[in-house]
Amino acid sequence: MQRPLDVLGSSVDKTVIVKIKNGENISGTLKAFDSHINIWLDDASIKGEKELKLGKVLLRGDSIIYVSPGK
């Protein structure tokens, strides 16, 4: 069985979708993370009625509900 940090490690430089506590899904390229699951995304965006491009973002680990592979 893989540990969560190992799964994140194998997702570096790949597209992921991060659901955060306010209900939004942020997609982007996973660049780095730490043991607190603070996540750095590049080319991040929020998809809704219109796509909101964010660029580079740092998401605090305690605001993240889950991380899944991107499309």
Protein backbone atom coordinates (compact mmCIF):
# COMPACT_ATOMS: atom_id res chain seq x y z
CA MET A 1 0.00 0.00 0.00
CA GLN A 2 1.29 3.46 -0.90
CA ARG A 3 1.44 6.25 1.63
CA PRO A 4 -0.26 9.56 0.77
CA LEU A 5 3.02 11.48 0.51
CA ASP A 6 4.39 8.81 -1.86
CA VAL A 7 1.35 9.24 -4.10
CA LEU A 8 1.85 13.02 -4.10
CA GLY A 9 5.52 12.52 -4.88
CA SER A 10 4.65 10.50 -7.97
CA SER A 11 2.33 13.33 -9.09
CA VAL A 12 5.00 16.07 -9.19
CA ASP A 13 5.03 17.81 -12.60
CA LYS A 14 1.62 16.32 -13.41
CA THR A 15 -1.79 17.97 -13.44
CA VAL A 16 -3.81 17.58 -10.25
CA ILE A 17 -7.14 18.85 -8.96
CA VAL A 18 -7.24 20.14 -5.39
CA LYS A 19 -10.56 20.55 -3.57
CA ILE A 20 -10.36 23.15 -0.84
CA LYS A 21 -12.64 23.80 2.14
CA ASN A 22 -14.55 26.65 0.49
CA GLY A 23 -15.78 24.12 -2.10
CA GLU A 24 -13.68 25.25 -5.05
CA ASN A 25 -11.65 22.91 -7.24
CA ILE A 26 -8.26 24.28 -8.24
CA SER A 27 -6.39 22.54 -11.04
CA GLY A 28 -2.76 23.00 -11.92
CA THR A 29 0.64 21.38 -12.25
CA LEU A 30 1.94 20.07 -8.93
CA LYS A 31 5.41 21.52 -8.44
CA ALA A 32 6.15 20.79 -4.78
CA PHE A 33 4.63 19.85 -1.41
CA ASP A 34 5.77 19.31 2.16
CA SER A 35 4.91 17.06 5.10
CA HIS A 36 2.01 19.38 6.05
CA ILE A 37 0.55 18.91 2.54
CA ASN A 38 1.16 22.56 1.71
CA ILE A 39 1.02 22.42 -2.08
CA TRP A 40 2.59 24.62 -4.77
CA LEU A 41 0.75 24.59 -8.11
CA ASP A 42 1.86 26.21 -11.35
CA ASP A 43 -0.58 27.30 -14.08
CA ALA A 44 -3.40 27.01 -11.55
CA SER A 45 -6.99 27.85 -12.39
CA ILE A 46 -10.48 27.61 -10.95
CA LYS A 47 -13.08 26.30 -13.34
CA GLY A 48 -16.62 27.61 -12.99
CA GLU A 49 -18.94 29.38 -15.38
CA LYS A 50 -15.77 31.14 -16.49
CA GLU A 51 -12.23 29.92 -15.95
CA LEU A 52 -10.25 32.06 -13.51
CA LYS A 53 -6.52 31.76 -14.15
CA LEU A 54 -4.45 32.07 -10.98
CA GLY A 55 -0.91 31.28 -12.17
CA LYS A 56 1.37 30.12 -9.34
CA VAL A 57 -0.36 29.38 -6.03
CA LEU A 58 0.57 27.98 -2.65
CA LEU A 59 -2.26 26.14 -0.91
CA ARG A 60 -2.06 25.68 2.83
CA GLY A 61 -2.42 22.04 3.83
CA ASP A 62 -5.15 22.61 6.43
CA SER A 63 -7.42 24.14 3.75
CA ILE A 64 -7.19 21.08 1.46
CA ILE A 65 -9.88 18.39 1.46
CA TYR A 66 -8.33 16.15 -1.20
CA VAL A 67 -5.95 15.99 -4.16
CA SER A 68 -6.79 13.91 -7.23
CA PRO A 69 -5.18 13.28 -10.63
CA GLY A 70 -6.06 15.89 -13.24
CA LYS A 71 -7.55 15.39 -16.67
